[in-house]
Amino acid sequence: MFEGFLSPMHMLIVAVIAVLLFGDRLPEVMRSMGRGLSEFKKGMRGLENSITSATDSSRTNVSYSRTDERDEVPTPRFDPPTSEPRAEAPHEPAHHDAEHHQEPAQPA
């Protein structure tokens, strides 16, 4: 009996209730309901069309450039040296921890 939402038994019950409530005015009521439903559908279509046209127009008016897409990151500036290059003598690496530094053993 409850296989579907609008089974034939449910439709029959709704029809009987409609006839009892509206009687002779039933065709007029059904006509006005049909008009109301069609007006509702037109309004929904108009709303959908206005939303899609607004999104389409906003997509075409917006233009992006590469600077808009990312933040500008400052790069370091390189200034070339003003004097002639000179050769420096190689030096030994500095030992930061003097306590762990062991002197080489002296032969006796």
PDB file of N, CA and C in Angstrom:
ATOM      1  N   MET A   1       0.801  -1.194   0.000  1.00  0.00           N
ATOM      2  CA  MET A   1       0.000   0.000   0.000  1.00  0.00           C
ATOM      3  C   MET A   1       0.848   1.265   0.000  1.00  0.00           C
ATOM      4  N   PHE A   2       2.018   1.243   0.686  1.00  0.00           N
ATOM      5  CA  PHE A   2       2.860   2.436   0.797  1.00  0.00           C
ATOM      6  C   PHE A   2       4.113   2.322  -0.065  1.00  0.00           C
ATOM      7  N   GLU A   3       3.978   1.789  -1.292  1.00  0.00           N
ATOM      8  CA  GLU A   3       5.145   1.605  -2.140  1.00  0.00           C
ATOM      9  C   GLU A   3       5.734   2.907  -2.651  1.00  0.00           C
ATOM     10  N   GLY A   4       4.908   3.872  -2.967  1.00  0.00           N
ATOM     11  CA  GLY A   4       5.394   5.132  -3.510  1.00  0.00           C
ATOM     12  C   GLY A   4       4.731   6.307  -2.829  1.00  0.00           C
ATOM     13  N   PHE A   5       5.283   7.448  -3.029  1.00  0.00           N
ATOM     14  CA  PHE A   5       4.737   8.651  -2.408  1.00  0.00           C
ATOM     15  C   PHE A   5       3.379   9.001  -3.003  1.00  0.00           C
ATOM     16  N   LEU A   6       3.258   8.902  -4.324  1.00  0.00           N
ATOM     17  CA  LEU A   6       1.983   9.201  -4.979  1.00  0.00           C
ATOM     18  C   LEU A   6       1.423   7.937  -5.627  1.00  0.00           C
ATOM     19  N   SER A   7       1.087   7.001  -4.815  1.00  0.00           N
ATOM     20  CA  SER A   7       0.496   5.770  -5.345  1.00  0.00           C
ATOM     21  C   SER A   7      -0.945   6.063  -5.792  1.00  0.00           C
ATOM     22  N   PRO A   8      -1.542   5.194  -6.584  1.00  0.00           N
ATOM     23  CA  PRO A   8      -2.924   5.434  -7.035  1.00  0.00           C
ATOM     24  C   PRO A   8      -3.921   5.572  -5.876  1.00  0.00           C
ATOM     25  N   MET A   9      -3.672   4.870  -4.790  1.00  0.00           N
ATOM     26  CA  MET A   9      -4.579   4.969  -3.641  1.00  0.00           C
ATOM     27  C   MET A   9      -4.501   6.362  -3.010  1.00  0.00           C
ATOM     28  N   HIS A  10      -3.280   6.916  -2.892  1.00  0.00           N
ATOM     29  CA  HIS A  10      -3.112   8.266  -2.345  1.00  0.00           C
ATOM     30  C   HIS A  10      -3.780   9.308  -3.245  1.00  0.00           C
ATOM     31  N   MET A  11      -3.636   9.140  -4.555  1.00  0.00           N
ATOM     32  CA  MET A  11      -4.240  10.080  -5.501  1.00  0.00           C
ATOM     33  C   MET A  11      -5.775  10.034  -5.398  1.00  0.00           C
ATOM     34  N   LEU A  12      -6.318   8.861  -5.228  1.00  0.00           N
ATOM     35  CA  LEU A  12      -7.768   8.718  -5.101  1.00  0.00           C
ATOM     36  C   LEU A  12      -8.267   9.415  -3.830  1.00  0.00           C
ATOM     37  N   ILE A  13      -7.563   9.261  -2.747  1.00  0.00           N
ATOM     38  CA  ILE A  13      -7.951   9.906  -1.488  1.00  0.00           C
ATOM     39  C   ILE A  13      -7.898  11.427  -1.625  1.00  0.00           C
ATOM     40  N   VAL A  14      -6.850  11.943  -2.258  1.00  0.00           N
ATOM     41  CA  VAL A  14      -6.733  13.394  -2.463  1.00  0.00           C
ATOM     42  C   VAL A  14      -7.862  13.892  -3.355  1.00  0.00           C
ATOM     43  N   ALA A  15      -8.223  13.163  -4.387  1.00  0.00           N
ATOM     44  CA  ALA A  15      -9.305  13.569  -5.291  1.00  0.00           C
ATOM     45  C   ALA A  15     -10.642  13.612  -4.559  1.00  0.00           C
ATOM     46  N   VAL A  16     -10.915  12.624  -3.731  1.00  0.00           N
ATOM     47  CA  VAL A  16     -12.171  12.593  -2.979  1.00  0.00           C
ATOM     48  C   VAL A  16     -12.239  13.785  -2.030  1.00  0.00           C
ATOM     49  N   ILE A  17     -11.141  14.090  -1.347  1.00  0.00           N
ATOM     50  CA  ILE A  17     -11.118  15.231  -0.431  1.00  0.00           C
ATOM     51  C   ILE A  17     -11.324  16.537  -1.195  1.00  0.00           C
ATOM     52  N   ALA A  18     -10.705  16.659  -2.369  1.00  0.00           N
ATOM     53  CA  ALA A  18     -10.855  17.871  -3.177  1.00  0.00           C
ATOM     54  C   ALA A  18     -12.296  18.053  -3.623  1.00  0.00           C
ATOM     55  N   VAL A  19     -12.958  16.982  -4.040  1.00  0.00           N
ATOM     56  CA  VAL A  19     -14.358  17.078  -4.475  1.00  0.00           C
ATOM     57  C   VAL A  19     -15.248  17.468  -3.296  1.00  0.00           C
ATOM     58  N   LEU A  20     -14.999  16.891  -2.134  1.00  0.00           N
ATOM     59  CA  LEU A  20     -15.819  17.217  -0.959  1.00  0.00           C
ATOM     60  C   LEU A  20     -15.631  18.674  -0.532  1.00  0.00           C
ATOM     61  N   LEU A  21     -14.404  19.179  -0.601  1.00  0.00           N
ATOM     62  CA  LEU A  21     -14.143  20.554  -0.156  1.00  0.00           C
ATOM     63  C   LEU A  21     -14.636  21.597  -1.155  1.00  0.00           C
ATOM     64  N   PHE A  22     -14.344  21.376  -2.435  1.00  0.00           N
ATOM     65  CA  PHE A  22     -14.592  22.433  -3.412  1.00  0.00           C
ATOM     66  C   PHE A  22     -15.846  22.206  -4.248  1.00  0.00           C
ATOM     67  N   GLY A  23     -16.272  20.984  -4.429  1.00  0.00           N
ATOM     68  CA  GLY A  23     -17.520  20.687  -5.140  1.00  0.00           C
ATOM     69  C   GLY A  23     -17.554  21.254  -6.539  1.00  0.00           C
ATOM     70  N   ASP A  24     -18.513  22.188  -6.804  1.00  0.00           N
ATOM     71  CA  ASP A  24     -18.714  22.748  -8.143  1.00  0.00           C
ATOM     72  C   ASP A  24     -17.564  23.677  -8.556  1.00  0.00           C
ATOM     73  N   ARG A  25     -16.860  24.222  -7.616  1.00  0.00           N
ATOM     74  CA  ARG A  25     -15.778  25.171  -7.941  1.00  0.00           C
ATOM     75  C   ARG A  25     -14.453  24.463  -8.245  1.00  0.00           C
ATOM     76  N   LEU A  26     -14.410  23.149  -8.234  1.00  0.00           N
ATOM     77  CA  LEU A  26     -13.163  22.394  -8.419  1.00  0.00           C
ATOM     78  C   LEU A  26     -12.443  22.744  -9.727  1.00  0.00           C
ATOM     79  N   PRO A  27     -13.124  22.846 -10.875  1.00  0.00           N
ATOM     80  CA  PRO A  27     -12.394  23.222 -12.107  1.00  0.00           C
ATOM     81  C   PRO A  27     -11.755  24.608 -12.004  1.00  0.00           C
ATOM     82  N   GLU A  28     -12.463  25.534 -11.389  1.00  0.00           N
ATOM     83  CA  GLU A  28     -11.913  26.885 -11.229  1.00  0.00           C
ATOM     84  C   GLU A  28     -10.696  26.889 -10.299  1.00  0.00           C
ATOM     85  N   VAL A  29     -10.758  26.129  -9.239  1.00  0.00           N
ATOM     86  CA  VAL A  29      -9.631  26.045  -8.290  1.00  0.00           C
ATOM     87  C   VAL A  29      -8.419  25.409  -8.960  1.00  0.00           C
ATOM     88  N   MET A  30      -8.648  24.354  -9.705  1.00  0.00           N
ATOM     89  CA  MET A  30      -7.539  23.679 -10.388  1.00  0.00           C
ATOM     90  C   MET A  30      -6.910  24.589 -11.443  1.00  0.00           C
ATOM     91  N   ARG A  31      -7.740  25.371 -12.153  1.00  0.00           N
ATOM     92  CA  ARG A  31      -7.216  26.317 -13.143  1.00  0.00           C
ATOM     93  C   ARG A  31      -6.338  27.361 -12.469  1.00  0.00           C
ATOM     94  N   SER A  32      -6.799  27.899 -11.357  1.00  0.00           N
ATOM     95  CA  SER A  32      -6.010  28.932 -10.664  1.00  0.00           C
ATOM     96  C   SER A  32      -4.726  28.344 -10.087  1.00  0.00           C
ATOM     97  N   MET A  33      -4.783  27.091  -9.626  1.00  0.00           N
ATOM     98  CA  MET A  33      -3.554  26.444  -9.150  1.00  0.00           C
ATOM     99  C   MET A  33      -2.569  26.239 -10.302  1.00  0.00           C
ATOM    100  N   GLY A  34      -3.065  25.870 -11.466  1.00  0.00           N
ATOM    101  CA  GLY A  34      -2.202  25.692 -12.636  1.00  0.00           C
ATOM    102  C   GLY A  34      -1.546  27.002 -13.048  1.00  0.00           C
ATOM    103  N   ARG A  35      -2.335  28.093 -13.038  1.00  0.00           N
ATOM    104  CA  ARG A  35      -1.762  29.411 -13.366  1.00  0.00           C
ATOM    105  C   ARG A  35      -0.699  29.815 -12.350  1.00  0.00           C
ATOM    106  N   GLY A  36      -1.007  29.580 -11.092  1.00  0.00           N
ATOM    107  CA  GLY A  36      -0.039  29.927 -10.043  1.00  0.00           C
ATOM    108  C   GLY A  36       1.255  29.145 -10.181  1.00  0.00           C
ATOM    109  N   LEU A  37       1.112  27.855 -10.512  1.00  0.00           N
ATOM    110  CA  LEU A  37       2.305  27.024 -10.699  1.00  0.00           C
ATOM    111  C   LEU A  37       3.111  27.479 -11.905  1.00  0.00           C
ATOM    112  N   SER A  38       2.437  27.822 -12.998  1.00  0.00           N
ATOM    113  CA  SER A  38       3.181  28.285 -14.184  1.00  0.00           C
ATOM    114  C   SER A  38       3.853  29.635 -13.915  1.00  0.00           C
ATOM    115  N   GLU A  39       3.195  30.534 -13.163  1.00  0.00           N
ATOM    116  CA  GLU A  39       3.826  31.812 -12.799  1.00  0.00           C
ATOM    117  C   GLU A  39       5.041  31.585 -11.913  1.00  0.00           C
ATOM    118  N   PHE A  40       4.934  30.631 -11.012  1.00  0.00           N
ATOM    119  CA  PHE A  40       6.061  30.307 -10.143  1.00  0.00           C
ATOM    120  C   PHE A  40       7.249  29.802 -10.963  1.00  0.00           C
ATOM    121  N   LYS A  41       6.983  28.919 -11.931  1.00  0.00           N
ATOM    122  CA  LYS A  41       8.055  28.395 -12.783  1.00  0.00           C
ATOM    123  C   LYS A  41       8.691  29.506 -13.615  1.00  0.00           C
ATOM    124  N   LYS A  42       7.878  30.433 -14.144  1.00  0.00           N
ATOM    125  CA  LYS A  42       8.421  31.566 -14.906  1.00  0.00           C
ATOM    126  C   LYS A  42       9.317  32.431 -14.034  1.00  0.00           C
ATOM    127  N   GLY A  43       8.862  32.674 -12.809  1.00  0.00           N
ATOM    128  CA  GLY A  43       9.662  33.471 -11.888  1.00  0.00           C
ATOM    129  C   GLY A  43      10.984  32.801 -11.566  1.00  0.00           C
ATOM    130  N   MET A  44      10.968  31.497 -11.367  1.00  0.00           N
ATOM    131  CA  MET A  44      12.203  30.759 -11.089  1.00  0.00           C
ATOM    132  C   MET A  44      13.146  30.796 -12.289  1.00  0.00           C
ATOM    133  N   ARG A  45      12.597  30.642 -13.502  1.00  0.00           N
ATOM    134  CA  ARG A  45      13.434  30.725 -14.700  1.00  0.00           C
ATOM    135  C   ARG A  45      14.052  32.106 -14.842  1.00  0.00           C
ATOM    136  N   GLY A  46      13.256  33.151 -14.573  1.00  0.00           N
ATOM    137  CA  GLY A  46      13.778  34.516 -14.642  1.00  0.00           C
ATOM    138  C   GLY A  46      14.873  34.754 -13.619  1.00  0.00           C
ATOM    139  N   LEU A  47      14.691  34.204 -12.422  1.00  0.00           N
ATOM    140  CA  LEU A  47      15.712  34.336 -11.377  1.00  0.00           C
ATOM    141  C   LEU A  47      16.990  33.618 -11.778  1.00  0.00           C
ATOM    142  N   GLU A  48      16.853  32.402 -12.306  1.00  0.00           N
ATOM    143  CA  GLU A  48      18.026  31.655 -12.761  1.00  0.00           C
ATOM    144  C   GLU A  48      18.749  32.399 -13.884  1.00  0.00           C
ATOM    145  N   ASN A  49      17.979  32.966 -14.837  1.00  0.00           N
ATOM    146  CA  ASN A  49      18.592  33.699 -15.943  1.00  0.00           C
ATOM    147  C   ASN A  49      19.329  34.937 -15.450  1.00  0.00           C
ATOM    148  N   SER A  50      18.760  35.646 -14.485  1.00  0.00           N
ATOM    149  CA  SER A  50      19.439  36.840 -13.981  1.00  0.00           C
ATOM    150  C   SER A  50      20.708  36.478 -13.218  1.00  0.00           C
ATOM    151  N   ILE A  51      20.685  35.366 -12.502  1.00  0.00           N
ATOM    152  CA  ILE A  51      21.889  34.935 -11.780  1.00  0.00           C
ATOM    153  C   ILE A  51      22.975  34.521 -12.761  1.00  0.00           C
ATOM    154  N   THR A  52      22.618  33.727 -13.777  1.00  0.00           N
ATOM    155  CA  THR A  52      23.634  33.291 -14.731  1.00  0.00           C
ATOM    156  C   THR A  52      24.167  34.461 -15.551  1.00  0.00           C
ATOM    157  N   SER A  53      23.312  35.417 -15.910  1.00  0.00           N
ATOM    158  CA  SER A  53      23.807  36.567 -16.674  1.00  0.00           C
ATOM    159  C   SER A  53      24.703  37.440 -15.807  1.00  0.00           C
ATOM    160  N   ALA A  54      24.397  37.561 -14.515  1.00  0.00           N
ATOM    161  CA  ALA A  54      25.250  38.350 -13.621  1.00  0.00           C
ATOM    162  C   ALA A  54      26.601  37.688 -13.440  1.00  0.00           C
ATOM    163  N   THR A  55      26.635  36.372 -13.308  1.00  0.00           N
ATOM    164  CA  THR A  55      27.926  35.694 -13.146  1.00  0.00           C
ATOM    165  C   THR A  55      28.715  35.706 -14.443  1.00  0.00           C
ATOM    166  N   ASP A  56      28.033  35.586 -15.592  1.00  0.00           N
ATOM    167  CA  ASP A  56      28.731  35.635 -16.875  1.00  0.00           C
ATOM    168  C   ASP A  56      29.324  37.018 -17.127  1.00  0.00           C
ATOM    169  N   SER A  57      28.577  38.061 -16.804  1.00  0.00           N
ATOM    170  CA  SER A  57      29.095  39.407 -17.034  1.00  0.00           C
ATOM    171  C   SER A  57      30.223  39.734 -16.071  1.00  0.00           C
ATOM    172  N   SER A  58      30.166  39.208 -14.851  1.00  0.00           N
ATOM    173  CA  SER A  58      31.258  39.484 -13.916  1.00  0.00           C
ATOM    174  C   SER A  58      32.519  38.734 -14.326  1.00  0.00           C
ATOM    175  N   ARG A  59      32.364  37.577 -14.957  1.00  0.00           N
ATOM    176  CA  ARG A  59      33.541  36.838 -15.424  1.00  0.00           C
ATOM    177  C   ARG A  59      34.211  37.548 -16.590  1.00  0.00           C
ATOM    178  N   THR A  60      33.434  38.153 -17.468  1.00  0.00           N
ATOM    179  CA  THR A  60      34.026  38.788 -18.638  1.00  0.00           C
ATOM    180  C   THR A  60      34.630  40.141 -18.294  1.00  0.00           C
ATOM    181  N   ASN A  61      34.136  40.832 -17.271  1.00  0.00           N
ATOM    182  CA  ASN A  61      34.659  42.151 -16.921  1.00  0.00           C
ATOM    183  C   ASN A  61      35.900  42.089 -16.057  1.00  0.00           C
ATOM    184  N   VAL A  62      36.156  40.979 -15.412  1.00  0.00           N
ATOM    185  CA  VAL A  62      37.303  40.873 -14.518  1.00  0.00           C
ATOM    186  C   VAL A  62      38.502  40.410 -15.322  1.00  0.00           C
ATOM    187  N   SER A  63      39.589  41.148 -15.204  1.00  0.00           N
ATOM    188  CA  SER A  63      40.822  40.727 -15.854  1.00  0.00           C
ATOM    189  C   SER A  63      41.929  40.705 -14.816  1.00  0.00           C
ATOM    190  N   TYR A  64      42.747  39.708 -14.902  1.00  0.00           N
ATOM    191  CA  TYR A  64      43.826  39.535 -13.952  1.00  0.00           C
ATOM    192  C   TYR A  64      45.153  39.733 -14.664  1.00  0.00           C
ATOM    193  N   SER A  65      46.072  40.336 -13.965  1.00  0.00           N
ATOM    194  CA  SER A  65      47.431  40.398 -14.478  1.00  0.00           C
ATOM    195  C   SER A  65      48.306  39.583 -13.547  1.00  0.00           C
ATOM    196  N   ARG A  66      49.514  39.311 -13.964  1.00  0.00           N
ATOM    197  CA  ARG A  66      50.388  38.466 -13.166  1.00  0.00           C
ATOM    198  C   ARG A  66      50.715  39.101 -11.817  1.00  0.00           C
ATOM    199  N   THR A  67      50.764  40.413 -11.734  1.00  0.00           N
ATOM    200  CA  THR A  67      51.070  41.048 -10.454  1.00  0.00           C
ATOM    201  C   THR A  67      49.907  40.949  -9.494  1.00  0.00           C
ATOM    202  N   ASP A  68      48.659  40.810 -10.010  1.00  0.00           N
ATOM    203  CA  ASP A  68      47.512  40.660  -9.132  1.00  0.00           C
ATOM    204  C   ASP A  68      47.455  39.270  -8.512  1.00  0.00           C
ATOM    205  N   GLU A  69      48.021  38.283  -9.194  1.00  0.00           N
ATOM    206  CA  GLU A  69      47.905  36.912  -8.732  1.00  0.00           C
ATOM    207  C   GLU A  69      48.839  36.590  -7.576  1.00  0.00           C
ATOM    208  N   ARG A  70      49.938  37.285  -7.439  1.00  0.00           N
ATOM    209  CA  ARG A  70      50.887  36.960  -6.370  1.00  0.00           C
ATOM    210  C   ARG A  70      51.418  38.244  -5.762  1.00  0.00           C
ATOM    211  N   ASP A  71      51.937  38.127  -4.553  1.00  0.00           N
ATOM    212  CA  ASP A  71      52.522  39.274  -3.887  1.00  0.00           C
ATOM    213  C   ASP A  71      53.912  39.543  -4.456  1.00  0.00           C
ATOM    214  N   GLU A  72      54.284  40.800  -4.466  1.00  0.00           N
ATOM    215  CA  GLU A  72      55.600  41.185  -4.967  1.00  0.00           C
ATOM    216  C   GLU A  72      56.638  40.872  -3.892  1.00  0.00           C
ATOM    217  N   VAL A  73      57.621  40.060  -4.238  1.00  0.00           N
ATOM    218  CA  VAL A  73      58.671  39.693  -3.299  1.00  0.00           C
ATOM    219  C   VAL A  73      59.918  40.500  -3.662  1.00  0.00           C
ATOM    220  N   PRO A  74      60.454  41.275  -2.709  1.00  0.00           N
ATOM    221  CA  PRO A  74      61.651  42.061  -3.031  1.00  0.00           C
ATOM    222  C   PRO A  74      62.862  41.146  -3.191  1.00  0.00           C
ATOM    223  N   THR A  75      63.666  41.427  -4.197  1.00  0.00           N
ATOM    224  CA  THR A  75      64.875  40.645  -4.430  1.00  0.00           C
ATOM    225  C   THR A  75      66.080  41.441  -3.979  1.00  0.00           C
ATOM    226  N   PRO A  76      67.117  40.767  -3.486  1.00  0.00           N
ATOM    227  CA  PRO A  76      68.311  41.507  -3.054  1.00  0.00           C
ATOM    228  C   PRO A  76      68.992  42.161  -4.249  1.00  0.00           C
ATOM    229  N   ARG A  77      69.547  43.297  -3.999  1.00  0.00           N
ATOM    230  CA  ARG A  77      70.216  44.030  -5.067  1.00  0.00           C
ATOM    231  C   ARG A  77      71.703  43.743  -5.003  1.00  0.00           C
ATOM    232  N   PHE A  78      72.315  43.490  -6.143  1.00  0.00           N
ATOM    233  CA  PHE A  78      73.746  43.202  -6.218  1.00  0.00           C
ATOM    234  C   PHE A  78      74.462  44.437  -6.741  1.00  0.00           C
ATOM    235  N   ASP A  79      75.390  44.944  -5.934  1.00  0.00           N
ATOM    236  CA  ASP A  79      76.240  46.053  -6.358  1.00  0.00           C
ATOM    237  C   ASP A  79      77.621  45.484  -6.640  1.00  0.00           C
ATOM    238  N   PRO A  80      78.160  45.639  -7.853  1.00  0.00           N
ATOM    239  CA  PRO A  80      79.492  45.094  -8.158  1.00  0.00           C
ATOM    240  C   PRO A  80      80.564  45.864  -7.369  1.00  0.00           C
ATOM    241  N   PRO A  81      81.675  45.192  -7.041  1.00  0.00           N
ATOM    242  CA  PRO A  81      82.741  45.867  -6.293  1.00  0.00           C
ATOM    243  C   PRO A  81      83.353  46.994  -7.129  1.00  0.00           C
ATOM    244  N   THR A  82      83.811  48.051  -6.427  1.00  0.00           N
ATOM    245  CA  THR A  82      84.390  49.204  -7.118  1.00  0.00           C
ATOM    246  C   THR A  82      85.901  49.107  -7.248  1.00  0.00           C
ATOM    247  N   SER A  83      86.553  48.245  -6.478  1.00  0.00           N
ATOM    248  CA  SER A  83      88.018  48.128  -6.553  1.00  0.00           C
ATOM    249  C   SER A  83      88.399  46.848  -7.278  1.00  0.00           C
ATOM    250  N   GLU A  84      89.700  46.750  -7.588  1.00  0.00           N
ATOM    251  CA  GLU A  84      90.218  45.567  -8.262  1.00  0.00           C
ATOM    252  C   GLU A  84      90.193  44.379  -7.301  1.00  0.00           C
ATOM    253  N   PRO A  85      89.939  43.188  -7.810  1.00  0.00           N
ATOM    254  CA  PRO A  85      89.967  42.022  -6.919  1.00  0.00           C
ATOM    255  C   PRO A  85      91.379  41.748  -6.431  1.00  0.00           C
ATOM    256  N   ARG A  86      91.511  41.268  -5.221  1.00  0.00           N
ATOM    257  CA  ARG A  86      92.833  40.935  -4.665  1.00  0.00           C
ATOM    258  C   ARG A  86      92.792  39.513  -4.152  1.00  0.00           C
ATOM    259  N   ALA A  87      93.943  38.882  -4.183  1.00  0.00           N
ATOM    260  CA  ALA A  87      94.041  37.504  -3.727  1.00  0.00           C
ATOM    261  C   ALA A  87      94.290  37.505  -2.228  1.00  0.00           C
ATOM    262  N   GLU A  88      93.549  36.667  -1.528  1.00  0.00           N
ATOM    263  CA  GLU A  88      93.738  36.549  -0.092  1.00  0.00           C
ATOM    264  C   GLU A  88      94.386  35.214   0.197  1.00  0.00           C
ATOM    265  N   ALA A  89      95.213  35.188   1.242  1.00  0.00           N
ATOM    266  CA  ALA A  89      95.875  33.947   1.639  1.00  0.00           C
ATOM    267  C   ALA A  89      94.840  33.027   2.259  1.00  0.00           C
ATOM    268  N   PRO A  90      94.903  31.751   1.894  1.00  0.00           N
ATOM    269  CA  PRO A  90      93.950  30.827   2.501  1.00  0.00           C
ATOM    270  C   PRO A  90      94.222  30.725   4.003  1.00  0.00           C
ATOM    271  N   HIS A  91      93.202  30.631   4.783  1.00  0.00           N
ATOM    272  CA  HIS A  91      93.352  30.529   6.231  1.00  0.00           C
ATOM    273  C   HIS A  91      92.681  29.269   6.736  1.00  0.00           C
ATOM    274  N   GLU A  92      93.132  28.835   7.925  1.00  0.00           N
ATOM    275  CA  GLU A  92      92.589  27.612   8.506  1.00  0.00           C
ATOM    276  C   GLU A  92      91.221  27.925   9.111  1.00  0.00           C
ATOM    277  N   PRO A  93      90.378  26.948   9.122  1.00  0.00           N
ATOM    278  CA  PRO A  93      89.062  27.203   9.718  1.00  0.00           C
ATOM    279  C   PRO A  93      89.193  27.477  11.214  1.00  0.00           C
ATOM    280  N   ALA A  94      88.413  28.364  11.697  1.00  0.00           N
ATOM    281  CA  ALA A  94      88.452  28.737  13.109  1.00  0.00           C
ATOM    282  C   ALA A  94      87.779  27.662  13.943  1.00  0.00           C
ATOM    283  N   HIS A  95      88.361  27.390  15.115  1.00  0.00           N
ATOM    284  CA  HIS A  95      87.787  26.427  16.056  1.00  0.00           C
ATOM    285  C   HIS A  95      87.046  27.211  17.108  1.00  0.00           C
ATOM    286  N   HIS A  96      85.790  26.962  17.210  1.00  0.00           N
ATOM    287  CA  HIS A  96      84.966  27.724  18.137  1.00  0.00           C
ATOM    288  C   HIS A  96      85.015  27.159  19.548  1.00  0.00           C
ATOM    289  N   ASP A  97      85.300  25.912  19.703  1.00  0.00           N
ATOM    290  CA  ASP A  97      85.276  25.289  21.016  1.00  0.00           C
ATOM    291  C   ASP A  97      86.710  24.958  21.415  1.00  0.00           C
ATOM    292  N   ALA A  98      87.343  25.808  22.217  1.00  0.00           N
ATOM    293  CA  ALA A  98      88.755  25.636  22.588  1.00  0.00           C
ATOM    294  C   ALA A  98      88.941  24.495  23.562  1.00  0.00           C
ATOM    295  N   GLU A  99      87.932  24.137  24.362  1.00  0.00           N
ATOM    296  CA  GLU A  99      88.085  23.065  25.341  1.00  0.00           C
ATOM    297  C   GLU A  99      88.232  21.721  24.658  1.00  0.00           C
ATOM    298  N   HIS A 100      87.562  21.503  23.604  1.00  0.00           N
ATOM    299  CA  HIS A 100      87.623  20.217  22.900  1.00  0.00           C
ATOM    300  C   HIS A 100      88.773  20.155  21.911  1.00  0.00           C
ATOM    301  N   HIS A 101      89.490  21.239  21.767  1.00  0.00           N
ATOM    302  CA  HIS A 101      90.600  21.280  20.819  1.00  0.00           C
ATOM    303  C   HIS A 101      91.826  20.637  21.499  1.00  0.00           C
ATOM    304  N   GLN A 102      92.343  19.609  20.912  1.00  0.00           N
ATOM    305  CA  GLN A 102      93.501  18.922  21.485  1.00  0.00           C
ATOM    306  C   GLN A 102      94.728  19.239  20.658  1.00  0.00           C
ATOM    307  N   GLU A 103      95.803  19.492  21.368  1.00  0.00           N
ATOM    308  CA  GLU A 103      97.085  19.754  20.697  1.00  0.00           C
ATOM    309  C   GLU A 103      97.630  18.423  20.203  1.00  0.00           C
ATOM    310  N   PRO A 104      98.286  18.398  19.042  1.00  0.00           N
ATOM    311  CA  PRO A 104      98.880  17.139  18.575  1.00  0.00           C
ATOM    312  C   PRO A 104     100.020  16.717  19.518  1.00  0.00           C
ATOM    313  N   ALA A 105     100.153  15.447  19.725  1.00  0.00           N
ATOM    314  CA  ALA A 105     101.190  14.932  20.643  1.00  0.00           C
ATOM    315  C   ALA A 105     102.556  15.182  20.027  1.00  0.00           C
ATOM    316  N   GLN A 106     103.547  15.639  20.880  1.00  0.00           N
ATOM    317  CA  GLN A 106     104.920  15.892  20.454  1.00  0.00           C
ATOM    318  C   GLN A 106     105.729  14.608  20.605  1.00  0.00           C
ATOM    319  N   PRO A 107     106.487  14.237  19.577  1.00  0.00           N
ATOM    320  CA  PRO A 107     107.326  13.023  19.725  1.00  0.00           C
ATOM    321  C   PRO A 107     108.436  13.290  20.748  1.00  0.00           C
ATOM    322  N   ALA A 108     108.813  12.346  21.602  1.00  0.00           N
ATOM    323  CA  ALA A 108     109.829  12.526  22.630  1.00  0.00           C
ATOM    324  C   ALA A 108     111.180  12.075  22.217  1.00  0.00           C
TER     325      ALA A 108
END
